[in-house]
Amino acid sequence: MTVVKKSIDIKAPVDTVFTYFARPEHVSDQMSEKGVGMTVIPMDIKAGMGVGTTFRVIGDFSGKRLEWDCETTEFVRGEKISAKQIKGKFKSWEITTEFKELSDNLTNVTMTVSYEMPLGPLGGILDKVKFSKSAENGLETALYKVRGLLEGNGSIPVYITLDAYQKLLAEKKKMNNVPVSTVLTAILEKYEQEPEIKN
């Protein structure tokens, strides 16, 4: 069993950090180290990404593609999220992300991935030492990128419907093709100025 563990302190409240990590596709978006790529596709979402949620992981490790399905096994708000492989090529694969509130605006995040490489041809193709190093680098890079995003030094990926995106582009055109962030800010400011409708 190989264990890769990385920690980082993020200058953000524990609830903010936990909420970001609760969507596994958010973190996988940040795993883009040289030779490593990761995509997560939610398949069956339970209780806000809680226990029982399933998702597919598609990993590219130095040109070798692996896919495996996972299930969330533990979900303790503000403290811990765990998932394990339920179908795939690894003999076993588990990930745990733990959150520790250090102060009102400082959270320690520890990610631990433990896995056993597959036997047979695939296990021989993937150099175990190289795979471990690329997993370690990918995890570390993801944590640094997430810290940048949550501390306001990066750009947060936004997931919207195609219809909403087309409307956003139409507004962008009306505003003389200003950056999308400027359009979103204008829309939010307009929304905040509208009076609240009470029943």
Protein backbone atom coordinates (compact mmCIF):
# COMPACT_ATOMS: atom_id res chain seq x y z
CA MET A 1 0.00 0.00 0.00
CA THR A 2 1.38 3.41 -1.02
CA VAL A 3 0.32 6.46 1.00
CA VAL A 4 0.70 10.04 -0.27
CA LYS A 5 -0.09 12.77 2.26
CA LYS A 6 0.10 16.56 1.85
CA SER A 7 -1.02 19.45 4.08
CA ILE A 8 -1.44 23.17 3.61
CA ASP A 9 -2.79 26.13 5.59
CA ILE A 10 -5.39 28.25 3.77
CA LYS A 11 -6.33 31.76 4.91
CA ALA A 12 -10.08 31.22 4.75
CA PRO A 13 -12.80 30.07 7.17
CA VAL A 14 -13.16 26.30 7.55
CA ASP A 15 -16.72 26.36 6.14
CA THR A 16 -15.54 28.08 2.93
CA VAL A 17 -12.68 25.61 2.49
CA PHE A 18 -14.86 22.59 3.25
CA THR A 19 -17.57 23.74 0.82
CA TYR A 20 -15.03 24.00 -2.01
CA PHE A 21 -13.56 20.55 -1.32
CA ALA A 22 -17.02 18.98 -0.95
CA ARG A 23 -17.28 18.99 -4.75
CA PRO A 24 -14.51 16.63 -5.91
CA GLU A 25 -14.54 18.08 -9.43
CA HIS A 26 -13.41 21.44 -8.01
CA VAL A 27 -10.20 19.96 -6.64
CA SER A 28 -9.55 17.77 -9.67
CA ASP A 29 -9.70 20.91 -11.83
CA GLN A 30 -6.60 22.07 -9.99
CA MET A 31 -4.61 18.86 -10.58
CA SER A 32 -2.78 19.87 -13.71
CA GLU A 33 0.88 19.25 -12.99
CA LYS A 34 3.16 18.36 -15.92
CA GLY A 35 2.31 14.80 -16.89
CA VAL A 36 -0.71 14.59 -14.58
CA GLY A 37 -4.32 15.36 -15.44
CA MET A 38 -7.43 14.56 -13.46
CA THR A 39 -11.13 14.82 -14.22
CA VAL A 40 -13.97 13.99 -11.84
CA ILE A 41 -17.51 13.43 -13.09
CA PRO A 42 -20.28 13.23 -10.45
CA MET A 43 -22.57 10.26 -11.22
CA ASP A 44 -25.11 9.97 -8.38
CA ILE A 45 -25.25 12.80 -5.86
CA LYS A 46 -26.63 12.14 -2.38
CA ALA A 47 -27.44 14.77 0.27
CA GLY A 48 -25.19 17.60 -0.95
CA MET A 49 -22.32 15.32 -2.07
CA GLY A 50 -22.59 13.34 1.18
CA VAL A 51 -22.18 9.65 1.98
CA GLY A 52 -23.23 7.43 -0.92
CA THR A 53 -22.39 9.98 -3.65
CA THR A 54 -20.63 8.27 -6.55
CA PHE A 55 -18.26 9.81 -9.07
CA ARG A 56 -15.91 8.71 -11.83
CA VAL A 57 -12.24 9.70 -11.75
CA ILE A 58 -10.33 9.85 -15.03
CA GLY A 59 -6.62 10.23 -14.51
CA ASP A 60 -3.83 10.77 -17.01
CA PHE A 61 -0.47 9.89 -15.50
CA SER A 62 2.40 10.57 -17.90
CA GLY A 63 0.34 9.38 -20.86
CA LYS A 64 -1.23 6.38 -19.09
CA ARG A 65 -5.00 6.77 -18.65
CA LEU A 66 -6.80 5.19 -15.72
CA GLU A 67 -10.50 5.37 -14.83
CA TRP A 68 -12.13 4.34 -11.59
CA ASP A 69 -15.44 4.88 -9.84
CA CYS A 70 -15.58 6.07 -6.24
CA GLU A 71 -18.13 6.43 -3.48
CA THR A 72 -18.12 8.96 -0.67
CA THR A 73 -17.81 6.94 2.54
CA GLU A 74 -17.52 9.70 5.15
CA PHE A 75 -18.81 13.29 5.12
CA VAL A 76 -18.52 15.27 8.35
CA ARG A 77 -19.19 18.96 7.63
CA GLY A 78 -16.17 21.12 8.39
CA GLU A 79 -14.05 18.14 9.43
CA LYS A 80 -13.61 15.29 6.97
CA ILE A 81 -14.50 13.84 3.56
CA SER A 82 -13.48 10.32 2.52
CA ALA A 83 -14.07 8.27 -0.62
CA LYS A 84 -12.94 4.89 -1.89
CA GLN A 85 -12.80 3.06 -5.21
CA ILE A 86 -15.81 0.83 -5.84
CA LYS A 87 -14.88 -0.16 -9.40
CA GLY A 88 -11.62 0.17 -11.29
CA LYS A 89 -8.12 -1.08 -11.98
CA PHE A 90 -6.49 -0.35 -8.62
CA LYS A 91 -6.39 -3.15 -6.07
CA SER A 92 -7.54 -0.42 -3.68
CA TRP A 93 -7.75 3.40 -3.74
CA GLU A 94 -8.93 5.75 -0.97
CA ILE A 95 -8.75 9.49 -0.40
CA THR A 96 -9.39 11.41 2.81
CA THR A 97 -9.42 15.18 3.18
CA GLU A 98 -9.33 16.52 6.73
CA PHE A 99 -10.02 20.08 7.83
CA LYS A 100 -8.82 21.73 11.02
CA GLU A 101 -9.90 25.24 11.99
CA LEU A 102 -6.78 27.04 13.24
CA SER A 103 -8.55 30.40 13.68
CA ASP A 104 -11.61 32.22 12.26
CA ASN A 105 -9.79 32.80 8.97
CA LEU A 106 -7.20 30.01 8.84
CA THR A 107 -7.82 26.34 7.98
CA ASN A 108 -5.38 23.45 7.77
CA VAL A 109 -6.21 20.94 5.01
CA THR A 110 -4.61 17.50 4.87
CA MET A 111 -5.18 15.24 1.87
CA THR A 112 -4.20 11.57 2.11
CA VAL A 113 -4.39 9.16 -0.82
CA SER A 114 -3.65 5.49 -0.23
CA TYR A 115 -3.63 2.96 -3.03
CA GLU A 116 -2.39 -0.39 -4.22
CA MET A 117 -1.32 -0.60 -7.84
CA PRO A 118 -3.02 -3.17 -10.04
CA LEU A 119 -1.39 -6.50 -10.78
CA GLY A 120 -0.85 -7.83 -14.26
CA PRO A 121 0.01 -5.91 -17.43
CA LEU A 122 -1.29 -2.52 -16.25
CA GLY A 123 0.67 -2.67 -13.00
CA GLY A 124 3.82 -3.43 -14.97
CA ILE A 125 3.21 -0.60 -17.45
CA LEU A 126 2.93 2.03 -14.75
CA ASP A 127 6.24 2.56 -13.02
CA LYS A 128 5.25 2.47 -9.35
CA VAL A 129 7.87 4.99 -8.22
CA LYS A 130 7.09 7.38 -11.08
CA PHE A 131 3.35 7.04 -10.42
CA SER A 132 3.81 7.78 -6.71
CA LYS A 133 5.90 10.88 -7.49
CA SER A 134 3.39 12.18 -10.04
CA ALA A 135 0.53 11.58 -7.56
CA GLU A 136 2.47 13.46 -4.87
CA ASN A 137 3.22 16.38 -7.21
CA GLY A 138 -0.38 16.51 -8.44
CA LEU A 139 -1.74 16.58 -4.88
CA GLU A 140 0.69 19.31 -3.82
CA THR A 141 -0.02 21.42 -6.91
CA ALA A 142 -3.78 21.08 -6.37
CA LEU A 143 -3.47 22.24 -2.76
CA TYR A 144 -1.40 25.29 -3.75
CA LYS A 145 -3.86 26.21 -6.51
CA VAL A 146 -6.89 25.79 -4.23
CA ARG A 147 -5.17 27.96 -1.61
CA GLY A 148 -4.62 30.64 -4.28
CA LEU A 149 -8.26 30.48 -5.31
CA LEU A 150 -9.68 30.62 -1.80
CA GLU A 151 -7.29 33.36 -0.69
CA GLY A 152 -8.28 35.46 -3.72
CA ASN A 153 -5.08 35.06 -5.75
CA GLY A 154 -6.47 32.87 -8.52
CA SER A 155 -9.54 32.34 -10.65
CA ILE A 156 -12.32 30.04 -9.50
CA PRO A 157 -13.78 27.76 -12.16
CA VAL A 158 -17.46 28.54 -12.67
CA TYR A 159 -19.92 25.83 -13.65
CA ILE A 160 -23.02 27.18 -15.40
CA THR A 161 -25.54 25.88 -17.91
CA LEU A 162 -25.05 26.48 -21.62
CA ASP A 163 -28.14 28.73 -21.63
CA ALA A 164 -26.75 30.86 -18.78
CA TYR A 165 -23.36 31.05 -20.50
CA GLN A 166 -24.97 32.23 -23.75
CA LYS A 167 -26.86 34.94 -21.84
CA LEU A 168 -23.60 35.97 -20.16
CA LEU A 169 -21.91 36.28 -23.57
CA ALA A 170 -24.84 38.39 -24.86
CA GLU A 171 -24.41 40.77 -21.89
CA LYS A 172 -20.66 40.84 -22.54
CA LYS A 173 -21.33 41.94 -26.13
CA LYS A 174 -23.74 44.67 -24.94
CA MET A 175 -20.99 45.93 -22.64
CA ASN A 176 -18.45 46.29 -25.49
CA ASN A 177 -16.77 42.94 -24.83
CA VAL A 178 -15.46 43.77 -21.36
CA PRO A 179 -14.01 40.80 -19.39
CA VAL A 180 -16.53 38.20 -18.20
CA SER A 181 -15.63 39.00 -14.58
CA THR A 182 -16.73 42.63 -15.18
CA VAL A 183 -20.05 41.41 -16.64
CA LEU A 184 -20.65 39.11 -13.65
CA THR A 185 -19.83 41.91 -11.21
CA ALA A 186 -22.30 44.24 -12.98
CA ILE A 187 -25.03 41.59 -12.92
CA LEU A 188 -24.46 40.93 -9.21
CA GLU A 189 -24.47 44.65 -8.39
CA LYS A 190 -27.75 45.08 -10.29
CA TYR A 191 -29.21 42.07 -8.48
CA GLU A 192 -28.22 43.51 -5.07
CA GLN A 193 -29.97 46.81 -5.89
CA GLU A 194 -33.32 45.19 -6.71
CA PRO A 195 -35.81 45.39 -3.85
CA GLU A 196 -36.61 42.16 -2.07
CA ILE A 197 -40.05 40.80 -2.98
CA LYS A 198 -42.08 39.79 0.08
CA ASN A 199 -45.16 37.59 0.03
